[in-house]
Amino acid sequence: MPNAHQTVHLIDDDLATRIAIDAILRSVGHDVALYDSGLTFLERVTPGQCGCVILDVRLPSLSNKEIARRLDISEPTVKVHAQSVFRKIGARNRTHAAIIAREQGFS
């Protein structure tokens, strides 16, 4: 059973995607918070808040530097996490990750 004190933060600019993933996560007992942009997420979440982030890799307007500043972490930390995700899906960078997502049917 998921920990009720940790929230899954879902960031996606597509409303239908947010609704669908929200329903799936809630059906297995997760607490979910929905955000339509990375900026909205950064405005509402405080550094150190526990949880998991599911992030649309094609979100516009947030650089690694801005994400790091807003979360009070280092820019290299953001890069390490991004690179870890890219490596797991076989992508070279964000653009390649978006291409892979599109090829897999994610629009």
Protein backbone atom coordinates (compact mmCIF):
# COMPACT_ATOMS: atom_id res chain seq x y z
CA MET A 1 0.00 0.00 0.00
CA PRO A 2 1.41 3.45 -0.92
CA ASN A 3 2.51 5.82 1.82
CA ALA A 4 -0.37 8.27 2.37
CA HIS A 5 2.08 11.02 3.37
CA GLN A 6 3.85 11.04 0.03
CA THR A 7 2.17 12.56 -3.00
CA VAL A 8 2.65 11.77 -6.66
CA HIS A 9 3.06 15.14 -8.39
CA LEU A 10 1.90 14.81 -12.01
CA ILE A 11 3.03 17.59 -14.35
CA ASP A 12 1.60 17.53 -17.87
CA ASP A 13 0.19 20.27 -20.09
CA ASP A 14 -2.42 17.92 -21.59
CA LEU A 15 -5.62 17.78 -19.50
CA ALA A 16 -6.73 14.38 -20.84
CA THR A 17 -3.36 12.87 -19.94
CA ARG A 18 -3.51 14.34 -16.43
CA ILE A 19 -7.03 12.99 -15.88
CA ALA A 20 -6.17 9.50 -17.15
CA ILE A 21 -2.96 9.10 -15.17
CA ASP A 22 -4.62 10.60 -12.08
CA ALA A 23 -7.38 7.97 -12.25
CA ILE A 24 -4.87 5.13 -12.58
CA LEU A 25 -2.71 6.33 -9.68
CA ARG A 26 -5.68 6.94 -7.39
CA SER A 27 -7.13 3.51 -8.24
CA VAL A 28 -4.08 1.91 -6.60
CA GLY A 29 -4.17 4.17 -3.55
CA HIS A 30 -1.82 7.04 -4.33
CA ASP A 31 -2.42 10.65 -3.35
CA VAL A 32 -2.03 12.73 -6.50
CA ALA A 33 -1.51 16.44 -7.14
CA LEU A 34 -1.99 17.69 -10.70
CA TYR A 35 -0.15 20.57 -12.37
CA ASP A 36 -0.56 21.96 -15.88
CA SER A 37 2.98 23.31 -16.05
CA GLY A 38 6.36 23.07 -14.43
CA LEU A 39 6.02 26.66 -13.24
CA THR A 40 2.73 25.85 -11.46
CA PHE A 41 4.40 22.89 -9.76
CA LEU A 42 7.35 25.01 -8.63
CA GLU A 43 5.03 27.70 -7.27
CA ARG A 44 3.03 25.22 -5.15
CA VAL A 45 5.65 22.74 -3.90
CA THR A 46 8.18 23.57 -1.24
CA PRO A 47 11.77 22.26 -1.33
CA GLY A 48 12.10 19.08 0.69
CA GLN A 49 8.46 18.07 0.27
CA CYS A 50 8.28 14.29 0.00
CA GLY A 51 6.85 12.55 -2.99
CA CYS A 52 7.37 11.43 -6.54
CA VAL A 53 7.29 13.62 -9.67
CA ILE A 54 5.98 12.42 -13.01
CA LEU A 55 7.06 15.01 -15.57
CA ASP A 56 6.12 15.46 -19.21
CA VAL A 57 9.55 15.72 -20.88
CA ARG A 58 8.20 18.12 -23.49
CA LEU A 59 7.12 20.87 -21.11
CA PRO A 60 8.17 24.29 -22.35
CA SER A 61 9.85 27.16 -20.51
CA LEU A 62 11.88 25.50 -17.75
CA SER A 63 15.65 25.26 -17.97
CA ASN A 64 17.74 23.04 -15.69
CA LYS A 65 19.03 26.21 -14.04
CA GLU A 66 15.50 27.46 -13.27
CA ILE A 67 14.38 24.07 -11.94
CA ALA A 68 17.45 23.91 -9.68
CA ARG A 69 16.95 27.45 -8.39
CA ARG A 70 13.28 26.89 -7.62
CA LEU A 71 13.86 23.56 -5.85
CA ASP A 72 16.95 24.82 -4.03
CA ILE A 73 19.15 22.09 -5.46
CA SER A 74 22.20 22.27 -7.71
CA GLU A 75 21.92 22.41 -11.48
CA PRO A 76 24.17 19.31 -11.79
CA THR A 77 21.64 17.41 -9.63
CA VAL A 78 18.88 18.27 -12.09
CA LYS A 79 21.10 17.19 -14.98
CA VAL A 80 21.98 13.87 -13.29
CA HIS A 81 18.32 13.02 -12.76
CA ALA A 82 17.40 14.00 -16.31
CA GLN A 83 20.28 11.96 -17.74
CA SER A 84 19.21 8.97 -15.64
CA VAL A 85 15.74 9.12 -17.15
CA PHE A 86 17.13 9.54 -20.66
CA ARG A 87 19.48 6.59 -20.21
CA LYS A 88 16.63 4.35 -19.01
CA ILE A 89 14.55 5.09 -22.10
CA GLY A 90 17.51 5.07 -24.50
CA ALA A 91 17.45 8.80 -25.27
CA ARG A 92 20.42 11.12 -25.85
CA ASN A 93 18.65 14.29 -24.67
CA ARG A 94 15.22 15.91 -24.11
CA THR A 95 14.51 16.23 -27.81
CA HIS A 96 15.34 12.58 -28.40
CA ALA A 97 13.18 11.62 -25.38
CA ALA A 98 10.26 13.52 -26.92
CA ILE A 99 10.80 11.72 -30.25
CA ILE A 100 10.83 8.34 -28.48
CA ALA A 101 7.64 9.26 -26.59
CA ARG A 102 5.90 10.25 -29.83
CA GLU A 103 7.05 7.02 -31.55
CA GLN A 104 5.59 5.07 -28.61
CA GLY A 105 2.20 6.74 -29.10
CA PHE A 106 2.44 9.52 -26.51
CA SER A 107 1.31 12.77 -28.06
